Amino acid sequence: MDDASFTVIWSEEDGEFVGLCDAFRSLSHLAAASHAALAGIRALVAEAMAEG
């Protein structure tokens, strides 16, 4: 996960922040706060990597 780049953007459509990862483009995480969106996408990526 050290090589992955994470981004948080605001979604007008969803009215929430969206956490994204360049290495896992199919994953995203919505949250009301930007720090929660980042934590959520990092957790999803970690889970996906653990499942291998």
Protein backbone atom coordinates (compact mmCIF):
# COMPACT_ATOMS: atom_id res chain seq x y z
CA MET A 1 0.00 0.00 0.00
CA ASP A 2 3.05 2.27 0.28
CA ASP A 3 3.14 2.75 -3.51
CA ALA A 4 -0.55 3.62 -3.77
CA SER A 5 -1.72 7.19 -4.13
CA PHE A 6 -4.89 8.19 -2.30
CA THR A 7 -7.13 11.14 -3.15
CA VAL A 8 -10.17 12.67 -1.50
CA ILE A 9 -12.58 14.74 -3.57
CA TRP A 10 -15.94 16.37 -2.91
CA SER A 11 -18.91 14.87 -4.79
CA GLU A 12 -21.68 17.39 -5.43
CA GLU A 13 -23.89 14.52 -6.63
CA ASP A 14 -23.50 12.54 -3.40
CA GLY A 15 -23.05 15.49 -1.06
CA GLU A 16 -20.10 13.71 0.56
CA PHE A 17 -16.38 13.28 0.24
CA VAL A 18 -15.11 10.39 -1.89
CA GLY A 19 -11.90 8.53 -1.09
CA LEU A 20 -10.13 7.08 -4.14
CA CYS A 21 -7.00 5.02 -4.80
CA ASP A 22 -5.08 5.09 -8.08
CA ALA A 23 -4.02 1.44 -7.73
CA PHE A 24 -7.59 0.23 -7.06
CA ARG A 25 -9.77 2.31 -9.38
CA SER A 26 -12.83 0.14 -8.80
CA LEU A 27 -12.88 1.02 -5.07
CA SER A 28 -14.18 4.19 -3.44
CA HIS A 29 -15.44 5.23 -0.05
CA LEU A 30 -18.04 7.92 0.71
CA ALA A 31 -18.03 9.82 3.99
CA ALA A 32 -19.30 13.09 5.44
CA ALA A 33 -15.78 14.14 6.49
CA SER A 34 -12.64 14.13 4.32
CA HIS A 35 -10.54 12.33 6.94
CA ALA A 36 -13.18 9.59 7.18
CA ALA A 37 -13.21 9.17 3.39
CA LEU A 38 -9.42 8.76 3.42
CA ALA A 39 -9.51 6.29 6.30
CA GLY A 40 -12.29 4.36 4.61
CA ILE A 41 -10.54 3.97 1.25
CA ARG A 42 -7.30 2.99 2.97
CA ALA A 43 -9.17 0.29 4.89
CA LEU A 44 -10.87 -0.99 1.72
CA VAL A 45 -7.53 -1.20 -0.10
CA ALA A 46 -5.92 -3.02 2.84
CA GLU A 47 -8.80 -5.50 2.85
CA ALA A 48 -8.55 -6.04 -0.92
CA MET A 49 -4.81 -6.65 -0.66
CA ALA A 50 -5.26 -9.09 2.22
CA GLU A 51 -7.80 -11.08 0.20
CA GLY A 52 -5.21 -11.19 -2.57
